[in-house]
């Protein structure tokens, strides 16, 4: 499941991923919001919080994520990924190859720091 959090405003998108991300999460939540923000603001700042219940992606959702990186490569100013999993450090580093903006991983306890970081860039 993907939720739009109330910190979303202006050129900032803040989303929470819980349990398993699906193709529908990308097509019905992430992409419409991204396209709305890009149309209104050009480049955007994004924080994605992978909560403690996050278990990963469906195969179709992985494909949607890859397409998103290709089609919206230059639309991100900063992308923060918040979550406690150790593999997120290398996943964010790999993600740097797919977007032109800055990326950074933050732990769950650093949520506010991540929000300030995306806003400062």
C-alpha atoms as a PDB file:
ATOM      1  CA  UNK A   1       0.000   0.000   0.000  1.00  0.00           C
ATOM      2  CA  UNK A   2       1.121   3.535  -0.732  1.00  0.00           C
ATOM      3  CA  UNK A   3      -0.147   6.538   1.200  1.00  0.00           C
ATOM      4  CA  UNK A   4       0.263  10.244   0.519  1.00  0.00           C
ATOM      5  CA  UNK A   5       1.273  11.893   3.787  1.00  0.00           C
ATOM      6  CA  UNK A   6       0.077  15.356   4.888  1.00  0.00           C
ATOM      7  CA  UNK A   7       3.581  16.842   4.549  1.00  0.00           C
ATOM      8  CA  UNK A   8       2.981  16.754   0.775  1.00  0.00           C
ATOM      9  CA  UNK A   9       2.738  20.372  -0.393  1.00  0.00           C
ATOM     10  CA  UNK A  10       4.105  22.556  -3.172  1.00  0.00           C
ATOM     11  CA  UNK A  11       6.972  20.765  -4.896  1.00  0.00           C
ATOM     12  CA  UNK A  12       7.300  18.209  -2.061  1.00  0.00           C
ATOM     13  CA  UNK A  13       5.916  14.665  -2.181  1.00  0.00           C
ATOM     14  CA  UNK A  14       5.937  12.574   0.989  1.00  0.00           C
ATOM     15  CA  UNK A  15       4.741   8.985   0.692  1.00  0.00           C
ATOM     16  CA  UNK A  16       4.550   6.018   3.039  1.00  0.00           C
ATOM     17  CA  UNK A  17       4.925   2.481   1.724  1.00  0.00           C
ATOM     18  CA  UNK A  18       3.519  -0.297   3.863  1.00  0.00           C
ATOM     19  CA  UNK A  19       3.303  -4.046   3.290  1.00  0.00           C
ATOM     20  CA  UNK A  20       3.793  -4.847  -0.418  1.00  0.00           C
ATOM     21  CA  UNK A  21       3.884  -2.205  -3.175  1.00  0.00           C
ATOM     22  CA  UNK A  22       1.724  -3.105  -6.158  1.00  0.00           C
ATOM     23  CA  UNK A  23       1.446  -1.996  -9.759  1.00  0.00           C
ATOM     24  CA  UNK A  24      -1.773  -0.219  -8.771  1.00  0.00           C
ATOM     25  CA  UNK A  25       0.117   1.767  -6.111  1.00  0.00           C
ATOM     26  CA  UNK A  26       2.328   3.200  -8.838  1.00  0.00           C
ATOM     27  CA  UNK A  27      -0.392   3.699 -11.453  1.00  0.00           C
ATOM     28  CA  UNK A  28      -3.113   5.066  -9.156  1.00  0.00           C
ATOM     29  CA  UNK A  29      -1.147   6.941  -6.472  1.00  0.00           C
ATOM     30  CA  UNK A  30       2.521   7.631  -7.221  1.00  0.00           C
ATOM     31  CA  UNK A  31       2.447   8.503 -10.930  1.00  0.00           C
ATOM     32  CA  UNK A  32      -0.639  10.775 -10.870  1.00  0.00           C
ATOM     33  CA  UNK A  33       0.811  12.732  -7.932  1.00  0.00           C
ATOM     34  CA  UNK A  34       4.251  12.923  -9.535  1.00  0.00           C
ATOM     35  CA  UNK A  35       2.851  14.107 -12.855  1.00  0.00           C
ATOM     36  CA  UNK A  36       0.646  16.706 -11.109  1.00  0.00           C
ATOM     37  CA  UNK A  37       3.617  18.051  -9.129  1.00  0.00           C
ATOM     38  CA  UNK A  38       5.956  18.099 -12.136  1.00  0.00           C
ATOM     39  CA  UNK A  39       3.353  19.934 -14.252  1.00  0.00           C
ATOM     40  CA  UNK A  40       2.913  22.548 -11.533  1.00  0.00           C
ATOM     41  CA  UNK A  41       6.505  22.924 -10.291  1.00  0.00           C
ATOM     42  CA  UNK A  42       8.921  21.439 -12.824  1.00  0.00           C
ATOM     43  CA  UNK A  43      11.285  19.432 -10.628  1.00  0.00           C
ATOM     44  CA  UNK A  44      10.174  17.976  -7.300  1.00  0.00           C
ATOM     45  CA  UNK A  45      11.500  16.843  -3.932  1.00  0.00           C
ATOM     46  CA  UNK A  46      10.393  13.429  -2.725  1.00  0.00           C
ATOM     47  CA  UNK A  47      10.544  11.467   0.509  1.00  0.00           C
ATOM     48  CA  UNK A  48       9.503   7.834   0.543  1.00  0.00           C
ATOM     49  CA  UNK A  49       9.076   6.261   3.964  1.00  0.00           C
ATOM     50  CA  UNK A  50       9.271   2.455   3.971  1.00  0.00           C
ATOM     51  CA  UNK A  51       7.561   1.699   7.272  1.00  0.00           C
ATOM     52  CA  UNK A  52       8.213  -1.255   9.608  1.00  0.00           C
ATOM     53  CA  UNK A  53       5.496  -3.310   7.850  1.00  0.00           C
ATOM     54  CA  UNK A  54       7.036  -2.842   4.358  1.00  0.00           C
ATOM     55  CA  UNK A  55       7.803  -6.221   2.748  1.00  0.00           C
ATOM     56  CA  UNK A  56       8.827  -5.264  -0.797  1.00  0.00           C
ATOM     57  CA  UNK A  57       7.448  -4.980  -4.310  1.00  0.00           C
ATOM     58  CA  UNK A  58       5.333  -7.171  -6.535  1.00  0.00           C
ATOM     59  CA  UNK A  59       7.105  -7.995  -9.796  1.00  0.00           C
ATOM     60  CA  UNK A  60       4.838  -5.627 -11.744  1.00  0.00           C
ATOM     61  CA  UNK A  61       5.570  -2.857  -9.253  1.00  0.00           C
ATOM     62  CA  UNK A  62       9.319  -3.375  -9.765  1.00  0.00           C
ATOM     63  CA  UNK A  63       8.776  -2.825 -13.473  1.00  0.00           C
ATOM     64  CA  UNK A  64       6.735   0.332 -12.763  1.00  0.00           C
ATOM     65  CA  UNK A  65       9.554   1.585 -10.526  1.00  0.00           C
ATOM     66  CA  UNK A  66      12.115   1.013 -13.293  1.00  0.00           C
ATOM     67  CA  UNK A  67       9.939   2.801 -15.869  1.00  0.00           C
ATOM     68  CA  UNK A  68       9.429   5.678 -13.456  1.00  0.00           C
ATOM     69  CA  UNK A  69      13.188   6.157 -13.178  1.00  0.00           C
ATOM     70  CA  UNK A  70      13.575   6.202 -16.952  1.00  0.00           C
ATOM     71  CA  UNK A  71      10.641   8.503 -17.775  1.00  0.00           C
ATOM     72  CA  UNK A  72      11.111  10.900 -14.861  1.00  0.00           C
ATOM     73  CA  UNK A  73      14.902  10.847 -14.559  1.00  0.00           C
ATOM     74  CA  UNK A  74      15.302  14.632 -14.569  1.00  0.00           C
ATOM     75  CA  UNK A  75      12.187  15.458 -12.501  1.00  0.00           C
ATOM     76  CA  UNK A  76      13.735  15.023  -9.040  1.00  0.00           C
ATOM     77  CA  UNK A  77      15.742  17.635  -7.156  1.00  0.00           C
ATOM     78  CA  UNK A  78      16.200  15.361  -4.148  1.00  0.00           C
ATOM     79  CA  UNK A  79      14.919  11.908  -3.239  1.00  0.00           C
ATOM     80  CA  UNK A  80      15.093  10.663   0.349  1.00  0.00           C
ATOM     81  CA  UNK A  81      14.345   7.063   1.247  1.00  0.00           C
ATOM     82  CA  UNK A  82      13.528   6.541   4.926  1.00  0.00           C
ATOM     83  CA  UNK A  83      13.602   3.070   6.427  1.00  0.00           C
ATOM     84  CA  UNK A  84      15.519   0.867   8.788  1.00  0.00           C
ATOM     85  CA  UNK A  85      16.597  -1.937   6.460  1.00  0.00           C
ATOM     86  CA  UNK A  86      20.368  -2.172   5.951  1.00  0.00           C
ATOM     87  CA  UNK A  87      19.965  -2.986   2.208  1.00  0.00           C
ATOM     88  CA  UNK A  88      18.496   0.491   1.628  1.00  0.00           C
ATOM     89  CA  UNK A  89      21.980   2.054   1.669  1.00  0.00           C
ATOM     90  CA  UNK A  90      23.061   0.172  -1.445  1.00  0.00           C
ATOM     91  CA  UNK A  91      19.598   0.382  -3.046  1.00  0.00           C
ATOM     92  CA  UNK A  92      19.696   4.181  -2.819  1.00  0.00           C
ATOM     93  CA  UNK A  93      23.211   4.202  -4.281  1.00  0.00           C
ATOM     94  CA  UNK A  94      21.971   2.138  -7.233  1.00  0.00           C
ATOM     95  CA  UNK A  95      19.007   4.499  -7.583  1.00  0.00           C
ATOM     96  CA  UNK A  96      21.435   7.404  -8.068  1.00  0.00           C
ATOM     97  CA  UNK A  97      22.149   6.014 -11.526  1.00  0.00           C
ATOM     98  CA  UNK A  98      18.495   6.380 -12.502  1.00  0.00           C
ATOM     99  CA  UNK A  99      17.770   9.967 -11.469  1.00  0.00           C
ATOM    100  CA  UNK A 100      19.642  13.219 -11.996  1.00  0.00           C
ATOM    101  CA  UNK A 101      18.853  14.613  -8.540  1.00  0.00           C
ATOM    102  CA  UNK A 102      20.498  13.845  -5.228  1.00  0.00           C
ATOM    103  CA  UNK A 103      19.511  10.750  -3.266  1.00  0.00           C
ATOM    104  CA  UNK A 104      20.050   9.794   0.340  1.00  0.00           C
ATOM    105  CA  UNK A 105      18.994   7.054   2.764  1.00  0.00           C
ATOM    106  CA  UNK A 106      17.816   7.936   6.282  1.00  0.00           C
ATOM    107  CA  UNK A 107      16.859   5.639   9.141  1.00  0.00           C
ATOM    108  CA  UNK A 108      13.322   5.703  10.547  1.00  0.00           C
ATOM    109  CA  UNK A 109      14.426   7.861  13.478  1.00  0.00           C
ATOM    110  CA  UNK A 110      15.737  10.430  10.971  1.00  0.00           C
ATOM    111  CA  UNK A 111      12.362  11.084   9.285  1.00  0.00           C
ATOM    112  CA  UNK A 112      12.342  14.800  10.193  1.00  0.00           C
ATOM    113  CA  UNK A 113      15.968  15.163   9.157  1.00  0.00           C
ATOM    114  CA  UNK A 114      15.075  13.637   5.767  1.00  0.00           C
ATOM    115  CA  UNK A 115      12.154  16.030   5.380  1.00  0.00           C
ATOM    116  CA  UNK A 116      14.429  19.001   6.101  1.00  0.00           C
ATOM    117  CA  UNK A 117      17.062  17.627   3.710  1.00  0.00           C
ATOM    118  CA  UNK A 118      14.705  17.372   0.726  1.00  0.00           C
ATOM    119  CA  UNK A 119      13.400  20.876   1.433  1.00  0.00           C
ATOM    120  CA  UNK A 120      16.856  22.448   1.719  1.00  0.00           C
ATOM    121  CA  UNK A 121      18.219  21.399  -1.668  1.00  0.00           C
END
